Amino acid sequence: MRPAAQTAAATALKATATGPAIRVGLIADVQYCDKEDGWNYSKTEKRAYRGSLECLRKAVTYWEQGPSLTFVAQLGDLIDGNCMKLGITDECMQRVEEALRPVSSPVVHLLGNHELYNYSRAQLAARLNTQVEGREYYTLQYPGWRVVVLDPYQVAAIGWEKEDPRFQEAERILREKNPNYGVTDDWFRGMEGLNRRFVPYNGGLGAEQLGWFRAQLTAAQEAGDRVIVLSHVLLHPSQRVDVSDTTVFDFEEALEVIRACPVVAAVLCGHDHSGGYFFVDGAHHITLQSPLHKGADSLAFGRMDVYDDRLVVHGPGVGDLLAA
């Protein structure tokens, strides 16, 4: 595996009359843990913790047997928070790292909430190369295209020391918007609609990153480039009937940035394990399904071929990867 995100640009595939400009391997929310199958917080979805590792291994075989990839986008939550509770974090991370080792293209690892349950940001940077120039949000450039990687936990109640202003801002937002925060573990009691996003496993981009995001899209527009955005947490709450509980705190501001610079072709996310799709302002908002649903039987992985005029998703079981 070549894990350094910085090297991804070096493997860009030049666009031809028939070939894509870039090819991206896709997977999200593997959430491997060496434990028996369980359920999500609301007991509505089964989670096949051990089987998800087998899905990852199948994904690696698929990527390696197919056409060369520009990079693999691992959209966050590679291992589960239960690893930390069981004291097996390093053991589980080693197993997913071993599964990914045969990947010959760069692997771009996004920051998910479950990574932050298990490791500090510094540890993740050292282990998964989640930072470029000291931060978890950055841009990769290719001929005619830019890939903007976002950190949806720049403002968050996880991943920062309590003295950090980004933690303190998240605490302020959560206490203001969610009366259950710090009082009960039932975070959703009485929470309705878009307010359901104000829970500790979500976060915000923050003013600094939003300003940077606007500058990146403006630069792309001036250069005549298109953009693909990667984020673990959703930027748009309308991909299904109600997925506001997996949406960033400041999604309105993020969508306004996208509307102001109409160069975004797609926003790829994880976090919501059931996946989703929504098209607005010229951008495809695509959330990938998680391997946890079917475990070893899952085919929740694939690749996206990016052409100048279209995006094509391939995979051995696209129905497992994309929501219907």
Protein backbone atom coordinates (compact mmCIF):
# COMPACT_ATOMS: atom_id res chain seq x y z
CA MET A 1 0.00 0.00 0.00
CA ARG A 2 1.18 3.52 -0.80
CA PRO A 3 -0.74 5.39 1.88
CA ALA A 4 0.55 8.96 1.58
CA ALA A 5 -2.25 11.19 0.30
CA GLN A 6 0.34 13.61 -1.04
CA THR A 7 1.49 11.05 -3.62
CA ALA A 8 -1.95 10.54 -5.13
CA ALA A 9 -1.53 13.34 -7.64
CA ALA A 10 1.56 11.67 -9.03
CA THR A 11 -0.49 8.75 -10.31
CA ALA A 12 -3.10 10.75 -12.24
CA LEU A 13 -4.30 9.13 -15.42
CA LYS A 14 -4.30 11.60 -18.26
CA ALA A 15 -7.66 11.93 -19.99
CA THR A 16 -7.87 10.42 -23.45
CA ALA A 17 -10.60 10.38 -26.05
CA THR A 18 -11.96 7.16 -24.55
CA GLY A 19 -10.55 6.92 -21.01
CA PRO A 20 -11.43 8.64 -17.75
CA ALA A 21 -9.43 11.53 -16.34
CA ILE A 22 -9.16 9.77 -12.99
CA ARG A 23 -10.29 6.47 -11.48
CA VAL A 24 -11.15 6.31 -7.78
CA GLY A 25 -11.60 3.18 -5.66
CA LEU A 26 -14.55 3.52 -3.28
CA ILE A 27 -15.33 2.17 0.18
CA ALA A 28 -16.73 3.64 3.40
CA ASP A 29 -17.52 2.64 6.98
CA VAL A 30 -15.80 -0.73 7.16
CA GLN A 31 -15.88 -0.36 10.97
CA TYR A 32 -14.10 -3.65 11.58
CA CYS A 33 -14.00 -5.00 15.12
CA ASP A 34 -13.12 -8.48 16.36
CA LYS A 35 -16.46 -9.02 18.11
CA GLU A 36 -19.76 -10.76 17.59
CA ASP A 37 -22.37 -9.15 15.37
CA GLY A 38 -24.36 -6.38 17.01
CA TRP A 39 -26.75 -3.52 16.29
CA ASN A 40 -26.63 0.21 15.70
CA TYR A 41 -27.57 2.67 18.45
CA SER A 42 -31.29 2.53 17.67
CA LYS A 43 -31.30 -1.30 17.26
CA THR A 44 -32.63 -1.02 13.71
CA GLU A 45 -29.59 -2.21 11.72
CA LYS A 46 -27.48 -5.31 12.22
CA ARG A 47 -23.72 -4.79 12.22
CA ALA A 48 -21.46 -7.62 11.02
CA TYR A 49 -18.24 -6.45 12.62
CA ARG A 50 -15.99 -9.38 11.71
CA GLY A 51 -17.48 -9.91 8.27
CA SER A 52 -16.72 -6.35 7.20
CA LEU A 53 -13.01 -7.23 7.11
CA GLU A 54 -13.71 -9.93 4.53
CA CYS A 55 -15.56 -7.33 2.45
CA LEU A 56 -12.49 -5.09 2.60
CA ARG A 57 -10.30 -7.97 1.40
CA LYS A 58 -12.67 -8.54 -1.53
CA ALA A 59 -12.51 -4.84 -2.32
CA VAL A 60 -8.72 -4.94 -2.48
CA THR A 61 -8.84 -7.92 -4.86
CA TYR A 62 -11.36 -6.09 -7.05
CA TRP A 63 -9.25 -2.92 -7.20
CA GLU A 64 -6.05 -4.82 -7.98
CA GLN A 65 -7.59 -6.95 -10.70
CA GLY A 66 -9.19 -3.99 -12.44
CA PRO A 67 -7.73 -1.00 -14.28
CA SER A 68 -5.15 1.12 -12.49
CA LEU A 69 -6.61 3.53 -9.96
CA THR A 70 -5.58 7.11 -9.37
CA PHE A 71 -6.28 6.50 -5.69
CA VAL A 72 -8.60 4.67 -3.32
CA ALA A 73 -10.97 6.86 -1.31
CA GLN A 74 -11.49 5.28 2.12
CA LEU A 75 -14.22 7.59 3.37
CA GLY A 76 -13.69 7.05 7.08
CA ASP A 77 -14.54 4.72 9.98
CA LEU A 78 -12.06 2.00 9.09
CA ILE A 79 -12.40 0.39 12.54
CA ASP A 80 -15.21 0.60 15.07
CA GLY A 81 -15.43 2.45 18.37
CA ASN A 82 -15.98 -0.89 20.11
CA CYS A 83 -12.29 -1.64 19.48
CA MET A 84 -11.39 1.02 22.02
CA LYS A 85 -13.97 -0.25 24.53
CA LEU A 86 -12.60 -3.79 24.23
CA GLY A 87 -8.95 -2.70 24.35
CA ILE A 88 -8.18 -4.16 20.91
CA THR A 89 -7.68 -0.97 18.87
CA ASP A 90 -4.16 -1.70 17.62
CA GLU A 91 -4.95 -5.34 16.92
CA CYS A 92 -7.95 -4.43 14.78
CA MET A 93 -6.14 -1.60 12.99
CA GLN A 94 -3.28 -3.95 12.14
CA ARG A 95 -5.71 -6.35 10.51
CA VAL A 96 -7.27 -3.71 8.28
CA GLU A 97 -3.81 -2.36 7.43
CA GLU A 98 -2.75 -5.86 6.42
CA ALA A 99 -5.86 -6.18 4.27
CA LEU A 100 -5.02 -2.91 2.51
CA ARG A 101 -1.32 -3.62 2.06
CA PRO A 102 -1.64 -5.17 -1.44
CA VAL A 103 -3.23 -1.98 -2.81
CA SER A 104 -0.77 -0.57 -5.36
CA SER A 105 -2.39 2.85 -5.69
CA PRO A 106 -2.36 5.56 -2.99
CA VAL A 107 -5.05 5.25 -0.33
CA VAL A 108 -6.63 8.51 0.81
CA HIS A 109 -7.94 7.99 4.33
CA LEU A 110 -10.63 10.37 5.57
CA LEU A 111 -11.22 11.18 9.20
CA GLY A 112 -14.34 9.54 10.63
CA ASN A 113 -15.80 9.65 14.11
CA HIS A 114 -14.79 6.05 14.83
CA GLU A 115 -11.14 6.80 14.05
CA LEU A 116 -11.35 9.60 16.60
CA TYR A 117 -12.83 7.27 19.21
CA ASN A 118 -9.73 5.08 18.89
CA TYR A 119 -6.82 7.41 18.17
CA SER A 120 -5.68 11.00 18.48
CA ARG A 121 -5.31 13.12 15.37
CA ALA A 122 -1.53 12.91 15.67
CA GLN A 123 -1.66 9.12 15.87
CA LEU A 124 -3.92 8.93 12.83
CA ALA A 125 -1.64 11.23 10.87
CA ALA A 126 1.32 8.98 11.65
CA ARG A 127 -0.56 5.78 10.94
CA LEU A 128 -2.90 6.62 8.05
CA ASN A 129 -1.39 9.82 6.62
CA THR A 130 -4.61 11.70 7.25
CA GLN A 131 -2.86 15.07 7.20
CA VAL A 132 -1.30 17.09 4.41
CA GLU A 133 0.77 20.05 5.55
CA GLY A 134 -0.43 19.55 9.10
CA ARG A 135 -4.20 19.44 8.58
CA GLU A 136 -6.88 16.97 7.60
CA TYR A 137 -8.38 19.06 4.79
CA TYR A 138 -6.48 19.53 1.54
CA THR A 139 -6.74 19.44 -2.26
CA LEU A 140 -5.36 16.94 -4.75
CA GLN A 141 -4.93 18.18 -8.33
CA TYR A 142 -5.17 16.32 -11.61
CA PRO A 143 -5.51 17.44 -15.23
CA GLY A 144 -8.86 19.24 -15.37
CA TRP A 145 -9.95 18.00 -11.94
CA ARG A 146 -9.41 18.71 -8.27
CA VAL A 147 -10.33 16.49 -5.33
CA VAL A 148 -11.13 18.47 -2.18
CA VAL A 149 -10.85 16.45 1.03
CA LEU A 150 -12.81 17.93 3.94
CA ASP A 151 -12.57 17.39 7.69
CA PRO A 152 -16.11 17.45 9.12
CA TYR A 153 -14.72 17.34 12.67
CA GLN A 154 -12.77 20.59 12.68
CA VAL A 155 -15.41 21.76 15.15
CA ALA A 156 -16.24 18.72 17.25
CA ALA A 157 -16.63 17.28 20.72
CA ILE A 158 -14.33 14.42 19.70
CA GLY A 159 -10.74 14.54 18.53
CA TRP A 160 -9.69 17.67 20.43
CA GLU A 161 -8.48 18.40 23.94
CA LYS A 162 -11.06 20.11 26.13
CA GLU A 163 -8.95 23.27 26.19
CA ASP A 164 -8.95 23.51 22.40
CA PRO A 165 -11.19 26.30 20.99
CA ARG A 166 -12.60 23.88 18.42
CA PHE A 167 -13.82 21.58 21.19
CA GLN A 168 -15.21 24.52 23.13
CA GLU A 169 -17.09 25.81 20.10
CA ALA A 170 -18.62 22.36 19.54
CA GLU A 171 -19.63 22.19 23.20
CA ARG A 172 -21.31 25.57 22.90
CA ILE A 173 -23.21 24.54 19.77
CA LEU A 174 -24.33 21.21 21.22
CA ARG A 175 -25.49 22.70 24.53
CA GLU A 176 -27.35 25.46 22.70
CA LYS A 177 -29.02 23.22 20.12
CA ASN A 178 -29.50 19.95 22.01
CA PRO A 179 -30.85 20.06 25.58
CA ASN A 180 -29.96 16.36 26.00
CA TYR A 181 -26.23 16.89 25.53
CA GLY A 182 -24.35 16.31 28.77
CA VAL A 183 -27.59 15.28 30.52
CA THR A 184 -28.52 11.91 29.00
CA ASP A 185 -27.23 9.44 26.45
CA ASP A 186 -30.58 9.69 24.67
CA TRP A 187 -29.34 12.47 22.39
CA PHE A 188 -32.41 12.40 20.12
CA ARG A 189 -35.10 12.78 22.80
CA GLY A 190 -37.41 15.53 21.58
CA MET A 191 -35.09 16.38 18.67
CA GLU A 192 -36.81 16.82 15.33
CA GLY A 193 -35.93 17.66 11.74
CA LEU A 194 -32.63 19.31 11.00
CA ASN A 195 -31.87 19.78 14.70
CA ARG A 196 -31.10 16.06 14.88
CA ARG A 197 -27.69 16.78 13.42
CA PHE A 198 -26.56 18.36 16.68
CA VAL A 199 -25.18 15.21 18.29
CA PRO A 200 -21.61 14.39 19.40
CA TYR A 201 -20.82 11.92 16.60
CA ASN A 202 -21.24 14.73 14.06
CA GLY A 203 -19.20 17.89 13.80
CA GLY A 204 -18.73 21.05 11.79
CA LEU A 205 -16.38 22.36 9.13
CA GLY A 206 -15.89 25.64 10.99
CA ALA A 207 -15.36 29.15 9.67
CA GLU A 208 -11.67 28.68 8.82
CA GLN A 209 -12.21 25.55 6.75
CA LEU A 210 -15.28 27.01 5.06
CA GLY A 211 -13.20 30.02 3.97
CA TRP A 212 -10.53 27.67 2.68
CA PHE A 213 -13.19 25.59 0.89
CA ARG A 214 -14.51 28.69 -0.87
CA ALA A 215 -10.99 29.64 -1.94
CA GLN A 216 -10.38 26.13 -3.36
CA LEU A 217 -13.56 26.18 -5.44
CA THR A 218 -12.85 29.72 -6.63
CA ALA A 219 -9.36 28.68 -7.74
CA ALA A 220 -10.79 25.66 -9.54
CA GLN A 221 -13.36 27.85 -11.31
CA GLU A 222 -10.69 30.29 -12.45
CA ALA A 223 -8.57 27.41 -13.77
CA GLY A 224 -11.51 25.79 -15.58
CA ASP A 225 -11.31 22.66 -13.39
CA ARG A 226 -14.14 20.51 -12.02
CA VAL A 227 -14.17 19.32 -8.41
CA ILE A 228 -15.02 16.17 -6.46
CA VAL A 229 -15.51 16.66 -2.72
CA LEU A 230 -14.82 13.94 -0.15
CA SER A 231 -16.27 14.11 3.37
CA HIS A 232 -17.07 11.44 5.93
CA VAL A 233 -20.15 13.32 7.19
CA LEU A 234 -22.92 14.37 4.79
CA LEU A 235 -23.05 17.92 3.44
CA HIS A 236 -26.68 17.62 2.32
CA PRO A 237 -29.53 16.37 4.57
CA SER A 238 -31.97 15.42 1.80
CA GLN A 239 -30.40 12.25 0.43
CA ARG A 240 -33.15 10.15 2.00
CA VAL A 241 -36.37 10.98 3.84
CA ASP A 242 -34.44 12.16 6.90
CA VAL A 243 -30.70 11.79 7.31
CA SER A 244 -30.23 15.01 9.21
CA ASP A 245 -28.74 13.00 12.07
CA THR A 246 -25.68 12.27 9.88
CA THR A 247 -25.19 15.80 8.50
CA VAL A 248 -22.53 18.38 9.41
CA PHE A 249 -23.51 21.15 11.81
CA ASP A 250 -22.87 23.89 9.23
CA PHE A 251 -24.25 22.23 6.10
CA GLU A 252 -26.08 25.40 5.00
CA GLU A 253 -22.81 27.30 4.83
CA ALA A 254 -21.12 24.44 2.97
CA LEU A 255 -23.91 24.24 0.40
CA GLU A 256 -23.78 28.00 -0.09
CA VAL A 257 -20.09 27.71 -0.94
CA ILE A 258 -20.94 25.05 -3.54
CA ARG A 259 -23.75 27.17 -5.00
CA ALA A 260 -21.50 30.22 -5.25
CA CYS A 261 -18.87 28.33 -7.28
CA PRO A 262 -20.71 25.80 -9.49
CA VAL A 263 -17.73 23.56 -10.23
CA VAL A 264 -18.54 20.60 -7.97
CA ALA A 265 -19.50 17.48 -9.90
CA ALA A 266 -19.91 15.17 -6.91
CA VAL A 267 -19.80 15.05 -3.12
CA LEU A 268 -18.89 11.57 -1.85
CA CYS A 269 -19.65 10.70 1.78
CA GLY A 270 -19.97 7.84 4.24
CA HIS A 271 -21.31 7.97 7.82
CA ASP A 272 -24.94 7.08 6.95
CA HIS A 273 -24.62 3.31 6.51
CA SER A 274 -27.77 2.97 4.38
CA GLY A 275 -26.37 5.30 1.72
CA GLY A 276 -28.21 7.93 -0.25
CA TYR A 277 -28.35 10.14 -3.33
CA PHE A 278 -29.45 13.69 -4.06
CA PHE A 279 -28.78 15.96 -7.07
CA VAL A 280 -28.83 19.71 -6.57
CA ASP A 281 -26.98 22.74 -7.95
CA GLY A 282 -25.24 20.57 -10.54
CA ALA A 283 -23.68 18.27 -7.92
CA HIS A 284 -24.31 14.58 -7.26
CA HIS A 285 -24.40 14.02 -3.48
CA ILE A 286 -23.58 10.32 -3.09
CA THR A 287 -23.38 8.47 0.21
CA LEU A 288 -21.90 4.97 0.08
CA GLN A 289 -23.46 2.05 1.90
CA SER A 290 -21.47 0.28 4.61
CA PRO A 291 -20.13 -3.30 4.47
CA LEU A 292 -21.48 -3.73 8.01
CA HIS A 293 -24.97 -4.55 6.71
CA LYS A 294 -24.00 -7.83 5.06
CA GLY A 295 -20.50 -8.43 6.40
CA ALA A 296 -18.66 -11.18 4.54
CA ASP A 297 -21.47 -11.33 1.97
CA SER A 298 -21.26 -7.60 1.23
CA LEU A 299 -20.09 -6.13 -2.05
CA ALA A 300 -20.18 -2.53 -0.77
CA PHE A 301 -17.16 -1.33 -2.73
CA GLY A 302 -16.31 -0.31 -6.26
CA ARG A 303 -14.72 2.42 -8.30
CA MET A 304 -15.74 5.66 -9.97
CA ASP A 305 -14.47 6.55 -13.44
CA VAL A 306 -14.42 10.32 -13.81
CA TYR A 307 -14.85 11.63 -17.35
CA ASP A 308 -15.16 15.21 -18.49
CA ASP A 309 -18.88 14.75 -19.14
CA ARG A 310 -19.96 11.97 -16.79
CA LEU A 311 -19.23 9.91 -13.66
CA VAL A 312 -19.53 6.13 -13.95
CA VAL A 313 -19.64 3.85 -10.89
CA HIS A 314 -18.51 0.25 -11.33
CA GLY A 315 -18.52 -2.67 -8.92
CA PRO A 316 -19.33 -6.35 -8.55
CA GLY A 317 -22.48 -5.45 -6.61
CA VAL A 318 -23.38 -1.80 -7.17
CA GLY A 319 -26.64 -2.36 -5.31
CA ASP A 320 -24.61 -3.00 -2.14
CA LEU A 321 -22.55 0.17 -2.66
CA LEU A 322 -25.17 2.70 -3.77
CA ALA A 323 -28.61 3.26 -2.32
CA ALA A 324 -31.55 2.30 -4.52
